Amino acid sequence: MDFHPTLGGRLVTSLSYLSLLFLVPLVLVSEDDRFSAFHVRHGFMIFVVTILGNVILLMLDTIAQGYLYPYLGRLFNLAIVVACVYGIYLALRGRTSRIWGISDLLERFPI
């Protein structure tokens, strides 16, 4: 779905994918702006997945005596970076599109 937000709106919305900066568009954008709400929800879910995923990987790494996180952790964090870059690209282009894995989580756990 394509929207036609202003350049300022797209720039502010793109902050949704930069860790805790998802709070900036959450505060600054009006409640009825579906474009910004879409990206804030996705940015928040990426933030939650990053925190929980790293905690789980570190716990598993403790069990595996330090052999797991250097490899799986890097792959996991690379996937997070790719999702964030894709989200920023979509926000700056004024588009909304599914982000693999993140959109599926949002369907299962609506926020």
PDB file of N, CA and C in Angstrom:
ATOM      1  N   MET A   1       0.850  -1.163   0.000  1.00  0.00           N
ATOM      2  CA  MET A   1       0.000   0.000   0.000  1.00  0.00           C
ATOM      3  C   MET A   1       0.900   1.232   0.000  1.00  0.00           C
ATOM      4  N   ASP A   2       0.602   2.172  -0.851  1.00  0.00           N
ATOM      5  CA  ASP A   2       1.392   3.397  -0.929  1.00  0.00           C
ATOM      6  C   ASP A   2       0.635   4.564  -0.313  1.00  0.00           C
ATOM      7  N   PHE A   3       1.344   5.374   0.411  1.00  0.00           N
ATOM      8  CA  PHE A   3       0.810   6.595   0.991  1.00  0.00           C
ATOM      9  C   PHE A   3       1.564   7.753   0.369  1.00  0.00           C
ATOM     10  N   HIS A   4       1.128   8.948   0.648  1.00  0.00           N
ATOM     11  CA  HIS A   4       1.802  10.124   0.129  1.00  0.00           C
ATOM     12  C   HIS A   4       2.130  11.084   1.272  1.00  0.00           C
ATOM     13  N   PRO A   5       2.985  10.624   2.204  1.00  0.00           N
ATOM     14  CA  PRO A   5       3.353  11.508   3.314  1.00  0.00           C
ATOM     15  C   PRO A   5       4.360  12.558   2.849  1.00  0.00           C
ATOM     16  N   THR A   6       4.478  13.608   3.622  1.00  0.00           N
ATOM     17  CA  THR A   6       5.446  14.653   3.308  1.00  0.00           C
ATOM     18  C   THR A   6       6.860  14.132   3.541  1.00  0.00           C
ATOM     19  N   LEU A   7       7.836  14.840   3.027  1.00  0.00           N
ATOM     20  CA  LEU A   7       9.225  14.441   3.211  1.00  0.00           C
ATOM     21  C   LEU A   7       9.586  14.425   4.697  1.00  0.00           C
ATOM     22  N   GLY A   8       9.126  15.436   5.431  1.00  0.00           N
ATOM     23  CA  GLY A   8       9.387  15.475   6.874  1.00  0.00           C
ATOM     24  C   GLY A   8       8.761  14.294   7.584  1.00  0.00           C
ATOM     25  N   GLY A   9       7.548  13.935   7.184  1.00  0.00           N
ATOM     26  CA  GLY A   9       6.884  12.782   7.779  1.00  0.00           C
ATOM     27  C   GLY A   9       7.612  11.486   7.487  1.00  0.00           C
ATOM     28  N   ARG A  10       8.128  11.361   6.274  1.00  0.00           N
ATOM     29  CA  ARG A  10       8.888  10.159   5.920  1.00  0.00           C
ATOM     30  C   ARG A  10      10.202  10.090   6.690  1.00  0.00           C
ATOM     31  N   LEU A  11      10.865  11.234   6.852  1.00  0.00           N
ATOM     32  CA  LEU A  11      12.125  11.247   7.599  1.00  0.00           C
ATOM     33  C   LEU A  11      11.912  10.893   9.063  1.00  0.00           C
ATOM     34  N   VAL A  12      10.896  11.481   9.661  1.00  0.00           N
ATOM     35  CA  VAL A  12      10.605  11.190  11.077  1.00  0.00           C
ATOM     36  C   VAL A  12      10.188   9.730  11.228  1.00  0.00           C
ATOM     37  N   THR A  13       9.385   9.233  10.304  1.00  0.00           N
ATOM     38  CA  THR A  13       8.924   7.850  10.381  1.00  0.00           C
ATOM     39  C   THR A  13      10.074   6.871  10.199  1.00  0.00           C
ATOM     40  N   SER A  14      11.065   7.226   9.405  1.00  0.00           N
ATOM     41  CA  SER A  14      12.199   6.316   9.193  1.00  0.00           C
ATOM     42  C   SER A  14      13.004   6.113  10.477  1.00  0.00           C
ATOM     43  N   LEU A  15      12.874   7.010  11.439  1.00  0.00           N
ATOM     44  CA  LEU A  15      13.548   6.836  12.733  1.00  0.00           C
ATOM     45  C   LEU A  15      13.012   5.639  13.511  1.00  0.00           C
ATOM     46  N   SER A  16      11.857   5.137  13.107  1.00  0.00           N
ATOM     47  CA  SER A  16      11.236   4.004  13.798  1.00  0.00           C
ATOM     48  C   SER A  16      12.131   2.776  13.825  1.00  0.00           C
ATOM     49  N   TYR A  17      13.035   2.684  12.881  1.00  0.00           N
ATOM     50  CA  TYR A  17      13.861   1.489  12.750  1.00  0.00           C
ATOM     51  C   TYR A  17      15.234   1.616  13.401  1.00  0.00           C
ATOM     52  N   LEU A  18      15.450   2.679  14.130  1.00  0.00           N
ATOM     53  CA  LEU A  18      16.742   2.900  14.779  1.00  0.00           C
ATOM     54  C   LEU A  18      16.613   2.736  16.291  1.00  0.00           C
ATOM     55  N   SER A  19      16.466   1.505  16.731  1.00  0.00           N
ATOM     56  CA  SER A  19      16.421   1.129  18.131  1.00  0.00           C
ATOM     57  C   SER A  19      15.342   1.896  18.896  1.00  0.00           C
ATOM     58  N   LEU A  20      15.712   2.553  19.981  1.00  0.00           N
ATOM     59  CA  LEU A  20      14.721   3.261  20.811  1.00  0.00           C
ATOM     60  C   LEU A  20      14.149   4.510  20.141  1.00  0.00           C
ATOM     61  N   LEU A  21      14.695   4.899  19.018  1.00  0.00           N
ATOM     62  CA  LEU A  21      14.180   6.089  18.336  1.00  0.00           C
ATOM     63  C   LEU A  21      12.788   5.871  17.751  1.00  0.00           C
ATOM     64  N   PHE A  22      12.234   4.661  17.844  1.00  0.00           N
ATOM     65  CA  PHE A  22      10.853   4.458  17.426  1.00  0.00           C
ATOM     66  C   PHE A  22       9.909   5.309  18.276  1.00  0.00           C
ATOM     67  N   LEU A  23      10.385   5.766  19.428  1.00  0.00           N
ATOM     68  CA  LEU A  23       9.563   6.613  20.298  1.00  0.00           C
ATOM     69  C   LEU A  23       9.356   8.007  19.706  1.00  0.00           C
ATOM     70  N   VAL A  24      10.292   8.489  18.889  1.00  0.00           N
ATOM     71  CA  VAL A  24      10.177   9.831  18.310  1.00  0.00           C
ATOM     72  C   VAL A  24       8.947   9.942  17.415  1.00  0.00           C
ATOM     73  N   PRO A  25       8.779   9.078  16.404  1.00  0.00           N
ATOM     74  CA  PRO A  25       7.564   9.191  15.599  1.00  0.00           C
ATOM     75  C   PRO A  25       6.308   8.832  16.389  1.00  0.00           C
ATOM     76  N   LEU A  26       6.452   7.988  17.382  1.00  0.00           N
ATOM     77  CA  LEU A  26       5.302   7.640  18.212  1.00  0.00           C
ATOM     78  C   LEU A  26       4.744   8.870  18.905  1.00  0.00           C
ATOM     79  N   VAL A  27       5.639   9.761  19.345  1.00  0.00           N
ATOM     80  CA  VAL A  27       5.231  10.969  20.048  1.00  0.00           C
ATOM     81  C   VAL A  27       4.834  12.087  19.076  1.00  0.00           C
ATOM     82  N   LEU A  28       5.572  12.224  17.988  1.00  0.00           N
ATOM     83  CA  LEU A  28       5.398  13.380  17.100  1.00  0.00           C
ATOM     84  C   LEU A  28       4.269  13.251  16.083  1.00  0.00           C
ATOM     85  N   VAL A  29       3.903  12.046  15.721  1.00  0.00           N
ATOM     86  CA  VAL A  29       2.945  11.853  14.627  1.00  0.00           C
ATOM     87  C   VAL A  29       1.539  11.701  15.190  1.00  0.00           C
ATOM     88  N   SER A  30       0.562  12.185  14.439  1.00  0.00           N
ATOM     89  CA  SER A  30      -0.831  12.119  14.891  1.00  0.00           C
ATOM     90  C   SER A  30      -1.312  10.673  14.958  1.00  0.00           C
ATOM     91  N   GLU A  31      -2.326  10.453  15.758  1.00  0.00           N
ATOM     92  CA  GLU A  31      -2.840   9.109  16.006  1.00  0.00           C
ATOM     93  C   GLU A  31      -3.476   8.471  14.775  1.00  0.00           C
ATOM     94  N   ASP A  32      -4.032   9.252  13.885  1.00  0.00           N
ATOM     95  CA  ASP A  32      -4.746   8.692  12.738  1.00  0.00           C
ATOM     96  C   ASP A  32      -3.868   8.529  11.495  1.00  0.00           C
ATOM     97  N   ASP A  33      -2.574   8.693  11.631  1.00  0.00           N
ATOM     98  CA  ASP A  33      -1.651   8.524  10.522  1.00  0.00           C
ATOM     99  C   ASP A  33      -1.295   7.047  10.387  1.00  0.00           C
ATOM    100  N   ARG A  34      -1.937   6.356   9.463  1.00  0.00           N
ATOM    101  CA  ARG A  34      -1.736   4.909   9.310  1.00  0.00           C
ATOM    102  C   ARG A  34      -0.335   4.569   8.813  1.00  0.00           C
ATOM    103  N   PHE A  35       0.226   5.419   7.980  1.00  0.00           N
ATOM    104  CA  PHE A  35       1.575   5.196   7.459  1.00  0.00           C
ATOM    105  C   PHE A  35       2.592   5.152   8.604  1.00  0.00           C
ATOM    106  N   SER A  36       2.564   6.157   9.446  1.00  0.00           N
ATOM    107  CA  SER A  36       3.505   6.207  10.573  1.00  0.00           C
ATOM    108  C   SER A  36       3.227   5.105  11.579  1.00  0.00           C
ATOM    109  N   ALA A  37       1.960   4.814  11.814  1.00  0.00           N
ATOM    110  CA  ALA A  37       1.611   3.750  12.761  1.00  0.00           C
ATOM    111  C   ALA A  37       2.152   2.403  12.280  1.00  0.00           C
ATOM    112  N   PHE A  38       2.067   2.155  10.986  1.00  0.00           N
ATOM    113  CA  PHE A  38       2.603   0.919  10.417  1.00  0.00           C
ATOM    114  C   PHE A  38       4.094   0.792  10.721  1.00  0.00           C
ATOM    115  N   HIS A  39       4.842   1.846  10.455  1.00  0.00           N
ATOM    116  CA  HIS A  39       6.289   1.782  10.633  1.00  0.00           C
ATOM    117  C   HIS A  39       6.697   1.802  12.108  1.00  0.00           C
ATOM    118  N   VAL A  40       5.972   2.510  12.944  1.00  0.00           N
ATOM    119  CA  VAL A  40       6.279   2.502  14.377  1.00  0.00           C
ATOM    120  C   VAL A  40       6.055   1.107  14.952  1.00  0.00           C
ATOM    121  N   ARG A  41       4.969   0.452  14.554  1.00  0.00           N
ATOM    122  CA  ARG A  41       4.705  -0.906  15.025  1.00  0.00           C
ATOM    123  C   ARG A  41       5.814  -1.859  14.596  1.00  0.00           C
ATOM    124  N   HIS A  42       6.238  -1.745  13.341  1.00  0.00           N
ATOM    125  CA  HIS A  42       7.304  -2.616  12.852  1.00  0.00           C
ATOM    126  C   HIS A  42       8.639  -2.303  13.553  1.00  0.00           C
ATOM    127  N   GLY A  43       8.942  -1.036  13.736  1.00  0.00           N
ATOM    128  CA  GLY A  43      10.170  -0.666  14.435  1.00  0.00           C
ATOM    129  C   GLY A  43      10.185  -1.166  15.869  1.00  0.00           C
ATOM    130  N   PHE A  44       9.038  -1.060  16.539  1.00  0.00           N
ATOM    131  CA  PHE A  44       8.935  -1.557  17.908  1.00  0.00           C
ATOM    132  C   PHE A  44       9.130  -3.067  17.946  1.00  0.00           C
ATOM    133  N   MET A  45       8.522  -3.774  17.006  1.00  0.00           N
ATOM    134  CA  MET A  45       8.640  -5.235  16.995  1.00  0.00           C
ATOM    135  C   MET A  45      10.085  -5.655  16.696  1.00  0.00           C
ATOM    136  N   ILE A  46      10.765  -4.948  15.813  1.00  0.00           N
ATOM    137  CA  ILE A  46      12.176  -5.256  15.555  1.00  0.00           C
ATOM    138  C   ILE A  46      13.000  -5.024  16.825  1.00  0.00           C
ATOM    139  N   PHE A  47      12.704  -3.960  17.558  1.00  0.00           N
ATOM    140  CA  PHE A  47      13.388  -3.678  18.816  1.00  0.00           C
ATOM    141  C   PHE A  47      13.187  -4.818  19.814  1.00  0.00           C
ATOM    142  N   VAL A  48      11.952  -5.273  19.969  1.00  0.00           N
ATOM    143  CA  VAL A  48      11.642  -6.357  20.909  1.00  0.00           C
ATOM    144  C   VAL A  48      12.326  -7.653  20.477  1.00  0.00           C
ATOM    145  N   VAL A  49      12.262  -7.969  19.186  1.00  0.00           N
ATOM    146  CA  VAL A  49      12.888  -9.189  18.683  1.00  0.00           C
ATOM    147  C   VAL A  49      14.400  -9.136  18.886  1.00  0.00           C
ATOM    148  N   THR A  50      15.002  -7.971  18.699  1.00  0.00           N
ATOM    149  CA  THR A  50      16.440  -7.827  18.899  1.00  0.00           C
ATOM    150  C   THR A  50      16.824  -8.119  20.345  1.00  0.00           C
ATOM    151  N   ILE A  51      16.097  -7.530  21.269  1.00  0.00           N
ATOM    152  CA  ILE A  51      16.399  -7.735  22.695  1.00  0.00           C
ATOM    153  C   ILE A  51      16.181  -9.195  23.090  1.00  0.00           C
ATOM    154  N   LEU A  52      14.999  -9.723  22.791  1.00  0.00           N
ATOM    155  CA  LEU A  52      14.696 -11.103  23.191  1.00  0.00           C
ATOM    156  C   LEU A  52      15.593 -12.111  22.487  1.00  0.00           C
ATOM    157  N   GLY A  53      15.843 -11.903  21.204  1.00  0.00           N
ATOM    158  CA  GLY A  53      16.692 -12.823  20.453  1.00  0.00           C
ATOM    159  C   GLY A  53      18.104 -12.873  20.993  1.00  0.00           C
ATOM    160  N   ASN A  54      18.662 -11.719  21.308  1.00  0.00           N
ATOM    161  CA  ASN A  54      20.022 -11.698  21.856  1.00  0.00           C
ATOM    162  C   ASN A  54      20.086 -12.302  23.246  1.00  0.00           C
ATOM    163  N   VAL A  55      19.080 -12.066  24.059  1.00  0.00           N
ATOM    164  CA  VAL A  55      19.057 -12.673  25.394  1.00  0.00           C
ATOM    165  C   VAL A  55      18.990 -14.194  25.278  1.00  0.00           C
ATOM    166  N   ILE A  56      18.131 -14.692  24.408  1.00  0.00           N
ATOM    167  CA  ILE A  56      18.004 -16.145  24.226  1.00  0.00           C
ATOM    168  C   ILE A  56      19.304 -16.732  23.678  1.00  0.00           C
ATOM    169  N   LEU A  57      19.890 -16.055  22.698  1.00  0.00           N
ATOM    170  CA  LEU A  57      21.152 -16.554  22.136  1.00  0.00           C
ATOM    171  C   LEU A  57      22.281 -16.547  23.168  1.00  0.00           C
ATOM    172  N   LEU A  58      22.311 -15.534  24.018  1.00  0.00           N
ATOM    173  CA  LEU A  58      23.353 -15.498  25.060  1.00  0.00           C
ATOM    174  C   LEU A  58      23.141 -16.594  26.099  1.00  0.00           C
ATOM    175  N   MET A  59      21.883 -16.887  26.415  1.00  0.00           N
ATOM    176  CA  MET A  59      21.616 -17.983  27.347  1.00  0.00           C
ATOM    177  C   MET A  59      22.025 -19.322  26.732  1.00  0.00           C
ATOM    178  N   LEU A  60      21.705 -19.516  25.463  1.00  0.00           N
ATOM    179  CA  LEU A  60      22.111 -20.751  24.786  1.00  0.00           C
ATOM    180  C   LEU A  60      23.629 -20.825  24.644  1.00  0.00           C
ATOM    181  N   ASP A  61      24.250 -19.675  24.475  1.00  0.00           N
ATOM    182  CA  ASP A  61      25.706 -19.638  24.359  1.00  0.00           C
ATOM    183  C   ASP A  61      26.365 -20.072  25.669  1.00  0.00           C
ATOM    184  N   THR A  62      25.757 -19.734  26.773  1.00  0.00           N
ATOM    185  CA  THR A  62      26.277 -20.166  28.067  1.00  0.00           C
ATOM    186  C   THR A  62      26.223 -21.684  28.173  1.00  0.00           C
ATOM    187  N   ILE A  63      25.144 -22.260  27.693  1.00  0.00           N
ATOM    188  CA  ILE A  63      25.014 -23.719  27.715  1.00  0.00           C
ATOM    189  C   ILE A  63      26.031 -24.358  26.771  1.00  0.00           C
ATOM    190  N   ALA A  64      26.257 -23.729  25.622  1.00  0.00           N
ATOM    191  CA  ALA A  64      27.192 -24.270  24.623  1.00  0.00           C
ATOM    192  C   ALA A  64      28.639 -23.882  24.899  1.00  0.00           C
ATOM    193  N   GLN A  65      28.898 -23.293  26.037  1.00  0.00           N
ATOM    194  CA  GLN A  65      30.240 -22.919  26.494  1.00  0.00           C
ATOM    195  C   GLN A  65      30.944 -21.940  25.546  1.00  0.00           C
ATOM    196  N   GLY A  66      30.186 -21.002  25.004  1.00  0.00           N
ATOM    197  CA  GLY A  66      30.781 -19.926  24.231  1.00  0.00           C
ATOM    198  C   GLY A  66      30.990 -20.171  22.760  1.00  0.00           C
ATOM    199  N   TYR A  67      30.485 -21.249  22.226  1.00  0.00           N
ATOM    200  CA  TYR A  67      30.698 -21.539  20.813  1.00  0.00           C
ATOM    201  C   TYR A  67      29.541 -21.122  19.910  1.00  0.00           C
ATOM    202  N   LEU A  68      28.436 -20.729  20.485  1.00  0.00           N
ATOM    203  CA  LEU A  68      27.235 -20.469  19.697  1.00  0.00           C
ATOM    204  C   LEU A  68      27.095 -19.008  19.280  1.00  0.00           C
ATOM    205  N   TYR A  69      27.247 -18.099  20.217  1.00  0.00           N
ATOM    206  CA  TYR A  69      26.952 -16.693  19.941  1.00  0.00           C
ATOM    207  C   TYR A  69      27.857 -16.052  18.883  1.00  0.00           C
ATOM    208  N   PRO A  70      29.148 -16.371  18.844  1.00  0.00           N
ATOM    209  CA  PRO A  70      29.977 -15.710  17.822  1.00  0.00           C
ATOM    210  C   PRO A  70      29.481 -15.960  16.390  1.00  0.00           C
ATOM    211  N   TYR A  71      28.797 -17.051  16.154  1.00  0.00           N
ATOM    212  CA  TYR A  71      28.337 -17.368  14.803  1.00  0.00           C
ATOM    213  C   TYR A  71      26.859 -17.041  14.614  1.00  0.00           C
ATOM    214  N   LEU A  72      26.016 -17.649  15.439  1.00  0.00           N
ATOM    215  CA  LEU A  72      24.581 -17.399  15.307  1.00  0.00           C
ATOM    216  C   LEU A  72      24.217 -15.973  15.691  1.00  0.00           C
ATOM    217  N   GLY A  73      24.916 -15.415  16.649  1.00  0.00           N
ATOM    218  CA  GLY A  73      24.653 -14.033  17.049  1.00  0.00           C
ATOM    219  C   GLY A  73      24.916 -13.055  15.920  1.00  0.00           C
ATOM    220  N   ARG A  74      25.992 -13.279  15.206  1.00  0.00           N
ATOM    221  CA  ARG A  74      26.309 -12.405  14.065  1.00  0.00           C
ATOM    222  C   ARG A  74      25.271 -12.551  12.958  1.00  0.00           C
ATOM    223  N   LEU A  75      24.859 -13.772  12.674  1.00  0.00           N
ATOM    224  CA  LEU A  75      23.831 -13.978  11.652  1.00  0.00           C
ATOM    225  C   LEU A  75      22.506 -13.334  12.060  1.00  0.00           C
ATOM    226  N   PHE A  76      22.151 -13.519  13.327  1.00  0.00           N
ATOM    227  CA  PHE A  76      20.913 -12.935  13.829  1.00  0.00           C
ATOM    228  C   PHE A  76      20.954 -11.408  13.736  1.00  0.00           C
ATOM    229  N   ASN A  77      22.045 -10.822  14.186  1.00  0.00           N
ATOM    230  CA  ASN A  77      22.154  -9.362  14.151  1.00  0.00           C
ATOM    231  C   ASN A  77      22.252  -8.837  12.725  1.00  0.00           C
ATOM    232  N   LEU A  78      22.835  -9.587  11.818  1.00  0.00           N
ATOM    233  CA  LEU A  78      22.848  -9.200  10.410  1.00  0.00           C
ATOM    234  C   LEU A  78      21.426  -9.185   9.846  1.00  0.00           C
ATOM    235  N   ALA A  79      20.624 -10.187  10.205  1.00  0.00           N
ATOM    236  CA  ALA A  79      19.230 -10.218   9.764  1.00  0.00           C
ATOM    237  C   ALA A  79      18.457  -9.019  10.317  1.00  0.00           C
ATOM    238  N   ILE A  80      18.733  -8.631  11.545  1.00  0.00           N
ATOM    239  CA  ILE A  80      18.083  -7.461  12.143  1.00  0.00           C
ATOM    240  C   ILE A  80      18.487  -6.196  11.391  1.00  0.00           C
ATOM    241  N   VAL A  81      19.750  -6.062  11.066  1.00  0.00           N
ATOM    242  CA  VAL A  81      20.216  -4.878  10.330  1.00  0.00           C
ATOM    243  C   VAL A  81      19.562  -4.821   8.953  1.00  0.00           C
ATOM    244  N   VAL A  82      19.461  -5.955   8.272  1.00  0.00           N
ATOM    245  CA  VAL A  82      18.819  -5.994   6.953  1.00  0.00           C
ATOM    246  C   VAL A  82      17.354  -5.578   7.079  1.00  0.00           C
ATOM    247  N   ALA A  83      16.654  -6.070   8.093  1.00  0.00           N
ATOM    248  CA  ALA A  83      15.251  -5.696   8.293  1.00  0.00           C
ATOM    249  C   ALA A  83      15.119  -4.196   8.569  1.00  0.00           C
ATOM    250  N   CYS A  84      16.033  -3.640   9.351  1.00  0.00           N
ATOM    251  CA  CYS A  84      15.990  -2.209   9.654  1.00  0.00           C
ATOM    252  C   CYS A  84      16.270  -1.362   8.412  1.00  0.00           C
ATOM    253  N   VAL A  85      17.256  -1.760   7.629  1.00  0.00           N
ATOM    254  CA  VAL A  85      17.576  -1.011   6.410  1.00  0.00           C
ATOM    255  C   VAL A  85      16.407  -1.071   5.435  1.00  0.00           C
ATOM    256  N   TYR A  86      15.785  -2.230   5.307  1.00  0.00           N
ATOM    257  CA  TYR A  86      14.622  -2.360   4.431  1.00  0.00           C
ATOM    258  C   TYR A  86      13.461  -1.506   4.940  1.00  0.00           C
ATOM    259  N   GLY A  87      13.249  -1.484   6.244  1.00  0.00           N
ATOM    260  CA  GLY A  87      12.199  -0.652   6.820  1.00  0.00           C
ATOM    261  C   GLY A  87      12.451   0.826   6.588  1.00  0.00           C
ATOM    262  N   ILE A  88      13.695   1.254   6.749  1.00  0.00           N
ATOM    263  CA  ILE A  88      14.037   2.658   6.491  1.00  0.00           C
ATOM    264  C   ILE A  88      13.808   2.989   5.027  1.00  0.00           C
ATOM    265  N   TYR A  89      14.200   2.089   4.140  1.00  0.00           N
ATOM    266  CA  TYR A  89      13.978   2.280   2.704  1.00  0.00           C
ATOM    267  C   TYR A  89      12.489   2.459   2.407  1.00  0.00           C
ATOM    268  N   LEU A  90      11.668   1.588   2.980  1.00  0.00           N
ATOM    269  CA  LEU A  90      10.220   1.683   2.754  1.00  0.00           C
ATOM    270  C   LEU A  90       9.669   3.000   3.288  1.00  0.00           C
ATOM    271  N   ALA A  91      10.104   3.382   4.476  1.00  0.00           N
ATOM    272  CA  ALA A  91       9.597   4.616   5.081  1.00  0.00           C
ATOM    273  C   ALA A  91       9.989   5.833   4.250  1.00  0.00           C
ATOM    274  N   LEU A  92      11.231   5.867   3.788  1.00  0.00           N
ATOM    275  CA  LEU A  92      11.675   7.014   2.996  1.00  0.00           C
ATOM    276  C   LEU A  92      11.003   7.066   1.630  1.00  0.00           C
ATOM    277  N   ARG A  93      10.610   5.921   1.097  1.00  0.00           N
ATOM    278  CA  ARG A  93       9.912   5.874  -0.188  1.00  0.00           C
ATOM    279  C   ARG A  93       8.405   6.128  -0.038  1.00  0.00           C
ATOM    280  N   GLY A  94       7.917   6.153   1.203  1.00  0.00           N
ATOM    281  CA  GLY A  94       6.499   6.393   1.436  1.00  0.00           C
ATOM    282  C   GLY A  94       5.647   5.159   1.201  1.00  0.00           C
ATOM    283  N   ARG A  95       6.218   4.004   1.414  1.00  0.00           N
ATOM    284  CA  ARG A  95       5.517   2.738   1.162  1.00  0.00           C
ATOM    285  C   ARG A  95       5.372   1.927   2.436  1.00  0.00           C
ATOM    286  N   THR A  96       4.419   1.032   2.393  1.00  0.00           N
ATOM    287  CA  THR A  96       4.276   0.039   3.449  1.00  0.00           C
ATOM    288  C   THR A  96       4.286  -1.326   2.781  1.00  0.00           C
ATOM    289  N   SER A  97       5.114  -2.187   3.259  1.00  0.00           N
ATOM    290  CA  SER A  97       5.229  -3.529   2.705  1.00  0.00           C
ATOM    291  C   SER A  97       5.613  -4.460   3.842  1.00  0.00           C
ATOM    292  N   ARG A  98       5.319  -5.730   3.651  1.00  0.00           N
ATOM    293  CA  ARG A  98       5.632  -6.714   4.677  1.00  0.00           C
ATOM    294  C   ARG A  98       7.134  -6.865   4.841  1.00  0.00           C
ATOM    295  N   ILE A  99       7.566  -6.920   6.071  1.00  0.00           N
ATOM    296  CA  ILE A  99       8.958  -7.237   6.386  1.00  0.00           C
ATOM    297  C   ILE A  99       8.938  -8.675   6.888  1.00  0.00           C
ATOM    298  N   TRP A 100       9.647  -9.533   6.184  1.00  0.00           N
ATOM    299  CA  TRP A 100       9.597 -10.955   6.456  1.00  0.00           C
ATOM    300  C   TRP A 100       9.874 -11.234   7.928  1.00  0.00           C
ATOM    301  N   GLY A 101       9.018 -12.008   8.535  1.00  0.00           N
ATOM    302  CA  GLY A 101       9.172 -12.390   9.937  1.00  0.00           C
ATOM    303  C   GLY A 101       8.565 -11.385  10.895  1.00  0.00           C
ATOM    304  N   ILE A 102       8.837 -10.119  10.702  1.00  0.00           N
ATOM    305  CA  ILE A 102       8.333  -9.078  11.600  1.00  0.00           C
ATOM    306  C   ILE A 102       6.831  -8.900  11.398  1.00  0.00           C
ATOM    307  N   SER A 103       6.392  -8.847  10.150  1.00  0.00           N
ATOM    308  CA  SER A 103       4.954  -8.708   9.876  1.00  0.00           C
ATOM    309  C   SER A 103       4.189  -9.915  10.383  1.00  0.00           C
ATOM    310  N   ASP A 104       4.795 -11.102  10.274  1.00  0.00           N
ATOM    311  CA  ASP A 104       4.144 -12.312  10.791  1.00  0.00           C
ATOM    312  C   ASP A 104       3.978 -12.237  12.304  1.00  0.00           C
ATOM    313  N   LEU A 105       4.987 -11.739  12.998  1.00  0.00           N
ATOM    314  CA  LEU A 105       4.881 -11.581  14.455  1.00  0.00           C
ATOM    315  C   LEU A 105       3.806 -10.559  14.824  1.00  0.00           C
ATOM    316  N   LEU A 106       3.698  -9.493  14.047  1.00  0.00           N
ATOM    317  CA  LEU A 106       2.688  -8.483  14.335  1.00  0.00           C
ATOM    318  C   LEU A 106       1.266  -9.020  14.117  1.00  0.00           C
ATOM    319  N   GLU A 107       1.117  -9.947  13.181  1.00  0.00           N
ATOM    320  CA  GLU A 107      -0.197 -10.570  12.996  1.00  0.00           C
ATOM    321  C   GLU A 107      -0.550 -11.461  14.167  1.00  0.00           C
ATOM    322  N   ARG A 108       0.449 -12.141  14.733  1.00  0.00           N
ATOM    323  CA  ARG A 108       0.199 -13.048  15.861  1.00  0.00           C
ATOM    324  C   ARG A 108       0.068 -12.303  17.193  1.00  0.00           C
ATOM    325  N   PHE A 109       0.837 -11.230  17.340  1.00  0.00           N
ATOM    326  CA  PHE A 109       0.823 -10.450  18.568  1.00  0.00           C
ATOM    327  C   PHE A 109       0.533  -8.988  18.217  1.00  0.00           C
ATOM    328  N   PRO A 110      -0.724  -8.646  17.979  1.00  0.00           N
ATOM    329  CA  PRO A 110      -1.029  -7.259  17.561  1.00  0.00           C
ATOM    330  C   PRO A 110      -0.753  -6.245  18.660  1.00  0.00           C
ATOM    331  N   ILE A 111      -0.133  -5.142  18.271  1.00  0.00           N
ATOM    332  CA  ILE A 111       0.125  -4.062  19.205  1.00  0.00           C
ATOM    333  C   ILE A 111      -0.407  -2.768  18.624  1.00  0.00           C
TER     334      ILE A 111
END
